[in-house]
């Protein structure tokens, strides 16, 4: 089902400088402060292409997208970026520490091209809906540069771990490239150029369904670009990193919800209204929630406002995920935070880490914060392969895939 292709990637030449100073986090994870830091690291840092700075003089002939195309062309002409001599796949391993737990894990995957498929074909599956703004921005960048700089993060089922075993053999040698990112996570890449090994991996992937872990906006941008260019076979492919959903190194972090901007908020009144659908209990410590989550309890949410902390247990969770319960039984009916408002970017901020989330409530920056258990990979797979979607920001796969390790230029 999955069509996988090797490709002659563009990669940074050794003369461009330390790779740590050149690659970036995905564009949607780059804050203004991170962009400034990236810009200061190197004149060839990829942020100049994937998230350039606007200027007051910008117009149709000179803007972030035209400058991105200029940078790409100049870097190729000057030898900053060099194209592989033959089509390759790339083993991509990430050694990382899980935030909050301190576990040290290894996530294994490989980079290649995947066919751009409509969701209706039943090959590529999503787990969330997208917003129009980011897709418009990424489409303009793709139109101007005709290149993909980051990979779509794809999961595939391989309980026997046959592909992982092949990647382990490749990783027994010295890596082609290694980067330590700003979070201390180690990213290693090995070039796979052996045609027989490539053919073996492609064959093993042929019966797999794919699930988008990260990169929904960029994937749907690739679909739109393919539709704009029906006679261009290069436009019918997009760069992906493929990770086995049965990998021991696959982790999803919880993304808590901080609510602000409501005209009025009365915490005690909100808890009384919540009691219609939840058993509401005031608790002394977040450890009460963590113990219940660790025990597998379903439908348990935390609510924090000021110095108050409550455990809310859904009376009728059904087969819903905790985040679905939060959105359907609490945010909308109790606080009036509707799905439409969320799609418009109102009221909700998304916070990684319980301590950071509680700090938002205790400082008063948020009117109320809702704490949630992390979604599991199996839950995502069940919903996605079943044709369903989850609320926005239901998953936070950690760590992210770095942009710039390989570049897929459609024009060769």
Protein backbone atom coordinates (compact mmCIF):
# COMPACT_ATOMS: atom_id res chain seq x y z
CA UNK A 1 0.00 0.00 0.00
CA UNK A 2 2.78 2.45 0.87
CA UNK A 3 4.92 3.56 -2.05
CA UNK A 4 8.44 4.43 -0.85
CA UNK A 5 11.24 5.84 -3.01
CA UNK A 6 14.95 6.56 -2.51
CA UNK A 7 16.10 9.98 -3.69
CA UNK A 8 19.32 11.94 -4.28
CA UNK A 9 19.04 14.33 -1.35
CA UNK A 10 20.75 17.66 -1.03
CA UNK A 11 22.76 17.83 2.18
CA UNK A 12 24.98 20.44 3.78
CA UNK A 13 28.59 20.18 2.64
CA UNK A 14 31.31 19.90 5.29
CA UNK A 15 32.57 23.35 4.30
CA UNK A 16 29.26 24.95 5.25
CA UNK A 17 30.15 24.68 8.92
CA UNK A 18 29.03 22.60 11.90
CA UNK A 19 25.75 20.85 11.13
CA UNK A 20 24.54 21.81 14.61
CA UNK A 21 24.63 25.45 13.44
CA UNK A 22 22.77 24.78 10.18
CA UNK A 23 19.71 22.61 10.85
CA UNK A 24 16.61 23.61 12.80
CA UNK A 25 13.55 22.39 14.61
CA UNK A 26 10.41 22.18 12.40
CA UNK A 27 9.20 25.59 11.26
CA UNK A 28 6.08 25.54 13.45
CA UNK A 29 8.17 24.96 16.59
CA UNK A 30 10.50 27.91 15.98
CA UNK A 31 9.74 30.85 18.27
CA UNK A 32 10.88 34.38 17.43
CA UNK A 33 13.69 34.00 19.95
CA UNK A 34 14.77 30.70 18.40
CA UNK A 35 14.79 32.27 14.95
CA UNK A 36 17.08 35.05 16.13
CA UNK A 37 19.42 32.50 17.66
CA UNK A 38 19.44 30.42 14.46
CA UNK A 39 20.15 33.51 12.36
CA UNK A 40 23.15 34.28 14.55
CA UNK A 41 24.61 30.79 14.28
CA UNK A 42 25.44 30.81 10.57
CA UNK A 43 24.66 32.69 7.34
CA UNK A 44 23.62 29.28 6.00
CA UNK A 45 21.22 28.30 8.78
CA UNK A 46 18.08 26.80 7.24
CA UNK A 47 15.80 29.21 9.10
CA UNK A 48 16.58 31.77 6.38
CA UNK A 49 14.68 29.54 3.97
CA UNK A 50 11.92 27.92 6.00
CA UNK A 51 10.99 30.89 8.22
CA UNK A 52 12.51 34.06 6.83
CA UNK A 53 11.90 37.47 8.36
CA UNK A 54 9.43 39.88 6.80
CA UNK A 55 10.46 43.48 6.13
CA UNK A 56 8.40 46.67 5.62
CA UNK A 57 9.66 46.78 2.01
CA UNK A 58 8.28 43.34 1.12
CA UNK A 59 6.22 43.11 -2.05
CA UNK A 60 5.43 40.69 -4.89
CA UNK A 61 9.00 40.80 -6.24
CA UNK A 62 10.86 40.67 -2.92
CA UNK A 63 9.47 38.81 0.09
CA UNK A 64 10.20 35.89 2.41
CA UNK A 65 9.36 33.38 -0.32
CA UNK A 66 11.43 34.93 -3.11
CA UNK A 67 14.35 35.35 -0.73
CA UNK A 68 14.02 31.70 0.32
CA UNK A 69 14.25 30.63 -3.33
CA UNK A 70 17.27 32.91 -3.82
CA UNK A 71 19.04 31.43 -0.79
CA UNK A 72 18.43 27.88 -1.98
CA UNK A 73 19.72 28.61 -5.48
CA UNK A 74 22.78 30.48 -4.19
CA UNK A 75 23.66 27.79 -1.63
CA UNK A 76 23.51 25.09 -4.31
CA UNK A 77 25.57 27.13 -6.77
CA UNK A 78 28.21 27.91 -4.16
CA UNK A 79 28.48 24.35 -2.89
CA UNK A 80 26.95 24.95 0.54
CA UNK A 81 24.38 22.29 -0.37
CA UNK A 82 25.53 19.24 -2.33
CA UNK A 83 23.39 16.64 -4.08
CA UNK A 84 23.95 12.90 -3.58
CA UNK A 85 25.32 11.12 -6.64
CA UNK A 86 22.63 8.42 -6.50
CA UNK A 87 19.20 7.83 -4.93
CA UNK A 88 19.42 6.85 -1.26
CA UNK A 89 17.41 6.21 1.86
CA UNK A 90 18.71 7.45 5.21
CA UNK A 91 18.55 5.74 8.60
CA UNK A 92 17.63 8.39 11.18
CA UNK A 93 18.05 7.60 14.90
CA UNK A 94 17.26 9.95 17.78
CA UNK A 95 18.64 9.49 21.30
CA UNK A 96 16.63 11.55 23.77
CA UNK A 97 15.53 12.10 27.33
CA UNK A 98 11.78 12.07 27.93
CA UNK A 99 10.70 15.31 29.63
CA UNK A 100 9.15 14.79 33.09
CA UNK A 101 10.25 11.13 33.42
CA UNK A 102 13.97 11.37 32.63
CA UNK A 103 13.96 8.13 30.60
CA UNK A 104 16.72 7.91 28.01
CA UNK A 105 15.38 6.32 24.82
CA UNK A 106 16.32 5.62 21.21
CA UNK A 107 13.86 6.17 18.37
CA UNK A 108 14.66 4.54 15.04
CA UNK A 109 13.40 5.55 11.61
CA UNK A 110 14.44 6.18 8.06
CA UNK A 111 14.08 9.05 5.61
CA UNK A 112 12.77 8.53 2.10
CA UNK A 113 10.14 9.81 -0.29
CA UNK A 114 6.54 8.70 -0.02
CA UNK A 115 3.81 8.95 -2.62
CA UNK A 116 1.35 11.80 -2.00
CA UNK A 117 -1.98 10.03 -1.53
CA UNK A 118 -5.47 11.36 -0.93
CA UNK A 119 -6.86 10.26 2.43
CA UNK A 120 -9.71 8.55 0.57
CA UNK A 121 -7.21 6.06 -0.88
CA UNK A 122 -6.82 4.47 2.55
CA UNK A 123 -3.02 4.52 2.54
CA UNK A 124 -2.20 7.72 4.45
CA UNK A 125 -4.28 8.40 7.55
CA UNK A 126 -4.55 11.61 9.56
CA UNK A 127 -5.48 12.05 13.20
CA UNK A 128 -6.30 15.76 13.25
CA UNK A 129 -7.79 18.47 11.09
CA UNK A 130 -5.70 21.33 9.75
CA UNK A 131 -5.99 25.11 9.61
CA UNK A 132 -5.90 27.10 6.38
CA UNK A 133 -3.30 29.72 7.43
CA UNK A 134 -0.27 27.44 7.83
CA UNK A 135 -1.10 25.58 4.63
CA UNK A 136 -1.26 28.80 2.62
CA UNK A 137 2.15 29.83 3.97
CA UNK A 138 3.80 26.45 3.30
CA UNK A 139 2.29 26.28 -0.18
CA UNK A 140 3.81 29.63 -1.12
CA UNK A 141 7.20 28.46 0.12
CA UNK A 142 6.89 25.23 -1.87
CA UNK A 143 5.82 27.08 -5.02
CA UNK A 144 8.84 29.36 -4.85
CA UNK A 145 11.53 26.88 -3.76
CA UNK A 146 10.15 23.66 -5.26
CA UNK A 147 11.77 21.81 -2.38
CA UNK A 148 10.90 20.07 0.88
CA UNK A 149 13.25 20.85 3.78
CA UNK A 150 11.64 18.90 6.62
CA UNK A 151 10.13 15.45 6.71
CA UNK A 152 6.56 14.42 7.37
CA UNK A 153 6.67 12.18 10.46
CA UNK A 154 4.94 8.93 9.44
CA UNK A 155 4.18 5.88 11.55
CA UNK A 156 3.80 2.39 10.11
CA UNK A 157 2.90 -0.95 11.74
CA UNK A 158 5.70 -3.53 11.90
CA UNK A 159 5.24 -5.61 15.08
CA UNK A 160 7.95 -8.04 13.93
CA UNK A 161 10.38 -5.09 13.61
CA UNK A 162 11.88 -6.38 10.40
CA UNK A 163 12.77 -2.93 9.11
CA UNK A 164 14.21 -1.89 12.48
CA UNK A 165 16.55 -4.89 12.27
CA UNK A 166 17.84 -3.72 8.89
CA UNK A 167 18.33 -0.19 10.24
CA UNK A 168 20.27 -1.58 13.20
CA UNK A 169 22.72 -3.18 10.78
CA UNK A 170 23.24 0.15 9.04
CA UNK A 171 23.67 1.94 12.36
CA UNK A 172 26.51 -0.38 13.37
CA UNK A 173 28.79 1.80 11.21
CA UNK A 174 29.90 5.41 11.68
CA UNK A 175 27.05 7.85 10.96
CA UNK A 176 27.06 10.07 7.91
CA UNK A 177 26.01 12.99 10.10
CA UNK A 178 25.35 13.62 13.79
CA UNK A 179 23.76 16.63 15.49
CA UNK A 180 23.05 17.52 19.10
CA UNK A 181 20.09 19.88 19.18
CA UNK A 182 19.28 22.70 21.60
CA UNK A 183 17.44 20.27 23.90
CA UNK A 184 20.43 17.95 24.20
CA UNK A 185 18.93 15.27 21.96
CA UNK A 186 21.28 13.45 19.57
CA UNK A 187 20.23 12.98 15.93
CA UNK A 188 22.26 10.55 13.80
CA UNK A 189 21.90 9.87 10.07
CA UNK A 190 23.34 7.04 7.98
CA UNK A 191 23.28 7.07 4.18
CA UNK A 192 21.76 3.88 2.71
CA UNK A 193 23.03 3.56 -0.85
CA UNK A 194 23.07 -0.21 -1.36
CA UNK A 195 20.40 -0.91 -4.04
CA UNK A 196 19.64 -4.37 -2.60
CA UNK A 197 19.07 -3.02 0.89
CA UNK A 198 16.95 -0.19 -0.47
CA UNK A 199 14.88 -2.69 -2.45
CA UNK A 200 14.41 -4.82 0.68
CA UNK A 201 13.16 -1.87 2.75
CA UNK A 202 10.86 -0.69 -0.04
CA UNK A 203 9.42 -4.20 -0.37
CA UNK A 204 8.82 -4.51 3.39
CA UNK A 205 6.96 -1.17 3.37
CA UNK A 206 4.74 -2.10 0.43
CA UNK A 207 1.90 -3.56 2.53
CA UNK A 208 1.96 -0.88 5.25
CA UNK A 209 -0.61 1.76 6.07
CA UNK A 210 0.82 5.14 7.10
CA UNK A 211 -0.31 7.37 9.94
CA UNK A 212 0.73 11.03 10.11
CA UNK A 213 2.28 11.65 13.52
CA UNK A 214 3.48 15.21 12.80
CA UNK A 215 3.21 17.31 9.68
CA UNK A 216 -0.49 17.34 8.75
CA UNK A 217 -0.26 20.87 7.36
CA UNK A 218 2.81 20.12 5.26
CA UNK A 219 1.31 16.87 4.01
CA UNK A 220 -1.89 18.56 2.88
CA UNK A 221 0.25 21.28 1.32
CA UNK A 222 1.99 18.57 -0.70
CA UNK A 223 -1.41 17.24 -1.80
CA UNK A 224 -2.43 20.73 -2.95
CA UNK A 225 0.86 21.20 -4.80
CA UNK A 226 0.50 17.82 -6.52
CA UNK A 227 -2.99 18.84 -7.63
CA UNK A 228 -1.59 22.10 -9.04
CA UNK A 229 1.05 20.16 -10.99
CA UNK A 230 -0.69 17.04 -12.33
CA UNK A 231 1.94 16.38 -15.00
CA UNK A 232 4.92 16.57 -12.65
CA UNK A 233 5.86 13.18 -11.11
CA UNK A 234 8.25 14.88 -8.67
CA UNK A 235 5.32 16.82 -7.19
CA UNK A 236 3.57 13.53 -6.42
CA UNK A 237 6.16 12.67 -3.76
CA UNK A 238 7.08 14.24 -0.44
CA UNK A 239 9.93 13.65 2.01
CA UNK A 240 9.03 11.54 5.05
CA UNK A 241 10.62 9.92 8.06
CA UNK A 242 9.10 6.50 8.70
CA UNK A 243 9.00 5.17 12.27
CA UNK A 244 7.62 1.84 13.43
CA UNK A 245 4.63 2.45 15.69
CA UNK A 246 5.73 -0.60 17.72
CA UNK A 247 9.08 1.02 18.49
CA UNK A 248 10.14 1.12 22.16
CA UNK A 249 11.44 4.63 21.55
CA UNK A 250 8.13 6.18 20.52
CA UNK A 251 6.72 8.61 23.06
CA UNK A 252 3.83 11.09 23.07
CA UNK A 253 3.89 13.89 25.62
CA UNK A 254 0.77 15.32 27.18
CA UNK A 255 -0.33 18.72 25.91
CA UNK A 256 -2.25 20.56 28.61
CA UNK A 257 -4.82 23.29 27.92
CA UNK A 258 -4.51 26.80 29.39
CA UNK A 259 -7.64 28.95 29.03
CA UNK A 260 -7.49 32.74 29.01
CA UNK A 261 -9.43 35.61 27.49
CA UNK A 262 -12.86 34.62 28.78
CA UNK A 263 -14.99 37.67 29.64
CA UNK A 264 -15.74 36.19 33.04
CA UNK A 265 -14.50 33.14 34.88
CA UNK A 266 -15.63 31.89 38.27
CA UNK A 267 -13.74 28.77 39.25
CA UNK A 268 -16.16 27.59 41.93
CA UNK A 269 -19.13 28.09 39.60
CA UNK A 270 -17.32 26.21 36.83
CA UNK A 271 -16.71 23.24 39.12
CA UNK A 272 -20.40 23.20 40.11
CA UNK A 273 -21.41 23.09 36.45
CA UNK A 274 -18.78 20.46 35.72
CA UNK A 275 -20.35 18.24 38.39
CA UNK A 276 -23.21 17.48 35.99
CA UNK A 277 -20.87 15.34 33.86
CA UNK A 278 -17.98 14.70 36.25
CA UNK A 279 -17.28 13.60 39.77
CA UNK A 280 -15.42 16.62 41.12
CA UNK A 281 -12.86 16.22 43.91
CA UNK A 282 -10.51 18.81 45.36
CA UNK A 283 -6.99 17.38 45.68
CA UNK A 284 -3.81 18.52 47.42
CA UNK A 285 -1.25 17.40 44.87
CA UNK A 286 -0.88 16.62 41.19
CA UNK A 287 0.52 13.23 42.24
CA UNK A 288 -3.09 12.17 42.87
CA UNK A 289 -3.78 12.62 39.15
CA UNK A 290 -0.51 11.01 38.09
CA UNK A 291 -1.18 7.89 40.18
CA UNK A 292 -4.62 7.47 38.66
CA UNK A 293 -3.27 7.99 35.14
CA UNK A 294 -0.50 5.46 35.76
CA UNK A 295 -3.12 2.96 36.96
CA UNK A 296 -4.93 3.29 33.63
CA UNK A 297 -7.91 5.33 34.81
CA UNK A 298 -10.00 6.75 31.94
CA UNK A 299 -11.76 10.08 31.82
CA UNK A 300 -9.68 11.67 34.59
CA UNK A 301 -8.78 15.33 34.11
CA UNK A 302 -7.11 17.93 36.30
CA UNK A 303 -8.39 21.50 36.66
CA UNK A 304 -6.22 24.21 38.20
CA UNK A 305 -7.06 27.86 38.83
CA UNK A 306 -5.15 30.08 41.21
CA UNK A 307 -3.90 27.77 43.97
CA UNK A 308 -6.84 25.37 43.61
CA UNK A 309 -6.48 21.91 42.06
CA UNK A 310 -9.32 19.51 41.27
CA UNK A 311 -9.62 15.99 39.89
CA UNK A 312 -12.54 15.56 37.51
CA UNK A 313 -13.68 12.04 36.63
CA UNK A 314 -16.13 11.64 33.76
CA UNK A 315 -19.33 9.88 34.78
CA UNK A 316 -19.89 8.47 31.29
CA UNK A 317 -16.56 8.37 29.43
CA UNK A 318 -17.74 5.77 26.91
CA UNK A 319 -15.06 5.02 24.35
CA UNK A 320 -13.85 8.60 24.16
CA UNK A 321 -10.30 9.76 24.73
CA UNK A 322 -9.65 12.00 27.71
CA UNK A 323 -9.04 14.95 25.37
CA UNK A 324 -12.32 14.34 23.61
CA UNK A 325 -14.07 14.31 26.97
CA UNK A 326 -12.35 17.58 27.89
CA UNK A 327 -13.44 19.31 24.70
CA UNK A 328 -16.93 17.84 24.44
CA UNK A 329 -18.02 17.77 28.10
CA UNK A 330 -16.10 20.64 29.68
CA UNK A 331 -14.61 23.29 27.40
CA UNK A 332 -17.70 23.81 25.28
CA UNK A 333 -20.68 23.22 27.61
CA UNK A 334 -19.14 24.61 30.82
CA UNK A 335 -16.86 27.42 29.60
CA UNK A 336 -18.36 28.19 26.19
CA UNK A 337 -15.07 27.52 24.39
CA UNK A 338 -16.57 26.19 21.17
CA UNK A 339 -14.84 24.18 18.44
CA UNK A 340 -15.22 27.20 16.15
CA UNK A 341 -13.46 29.46 18.66
CA UNK A 342 -10.63 26.95 19.00
CA UNK A 343 -10.20 26.75 15.21
CA UNK A 344 -9.96 30.54 15.19
CA UNK A 345 -7.17 30.41 17.77
CA UNK A 346 -9.21 31.89 20.63
CA UNK A 347 -8.97 31.17 24.36
CA UNK A 348 -6.68 28.12 24.32
CA UNK A 349 -2.94 27.91 24.69
CA UNK A 350 -1.16 24.57 24.64
CA UNK A 351 1.41 23.82 27.34
CA UNK A 352 3.93 20.97 27.57
CA UNK A 353 4.81 19.81 31.07
CA UNK A 354 2.68 19.72 34.23
CA UNK A 355 4.89 22.18 36.13
CA UNK A 356 4.72 24.71 33.30
CA UNK A 357 0.95 24.29 33.07
CA UNK A 358 0.43 24.76 36.81
CA UNK A 359 2.63 27.85 36.72
CA UNK A 360 0.25 29.38 34.17
CA UNK A 361 -2.66 28.88 36.58
CA UNK A 362 -0.90 29.95 39.77
CA UNK A 363 0.54 33.08 38.19
CA UNK A 364 -2.84 34.15 36.86
CA UNK A 365 -1.64 34.17 33.26
CA UNK A 366 -4.33 31.57 32.62
CA UNK A 367 -7.82 31.69 34.07
CA UNK A 368 -7.89 27.91 34.30
CA UNK A 369 -5.62 25.10 33.19
CA UNK A 370 -6.74 21.58 32.37
CA UNK A 371 -4.27 18.76 32.89
CA UNK A 372 -4.56 15.64 30.74
CA UNK A 373 -2.99 12.22 30.49
CA UNK A 374 -0.77 11.68 27.46
CA UNK A 375 -2.44 9.97 24.52
CA UNK A 376 -0.99 6.57 23.64
CA UNK A 377 0.21 5.53 20.19
CA UNK A 378 -2.39 2.77 20.12
CA UNK A 379 -5.18 5.26 20.81
CA UNK A 380 -3.98 7.45 17.96
CA UNK A 381 -3.79 4.44 15.64
CA UNK A 382 -7.26 3.19 16.57
CA UNK A 383 -8.85 6.56 15.84
CA UNK A 384 -6.81 7.31 12.73
CA UNK A 385 -7.15 3.92 11.05
CA UNK A 386 -10.83 3.97 11.99
CA UNK A 387 -11.33 7.16 9.99
CA UNK A 388 -11.70 9.48 12.97
CA UNK A 389 -9.90 12.64 14.01
CA UNK A 390 -8.78 13.97 17.37
CA UNK A 391 -8.93 17.49 18.83
CA UNK A 392 -6.18 19.90 17.78
CA UNK A 393 -2.87 19.36 19.59
CA UNK A 394 -3.88 15.95 20.91
CA UNK A 395 -0.40 14.56 20.38
CA UNK A 396 3.10 15.84 21.00
CA UNK A 397 5.57 13.33 19.63
CA UNK A 398 8.97 13.99 21.17
CA UNK A 399 11.55 14.76 19.96
CA UNK A 400 10.74 16.52 16.70
CA UNK A 401 12.43 15.68 13.41
CA UNK A 402 15.12 18.19 12.50
CA UNK A 403 14.77 20.13 9.26
CA UNK A 404 17.74 20.33 6.90
CA UNK A 405 19.27 16.92 7.48
CA UNK A 406 18.15 16.04 3.96
CA UNK A 407 16.43 18.21 1.33
CA UNK A 408 14.20 16.97 -1.49
CA UNK A 409 14.47 19.34 -4.45
CA UNK A 410 11.84 18.56 -7.05
CA UNK A 411 13.93 19.82 -9.95
CA UNK A 412 16.84 17.51 -9.17
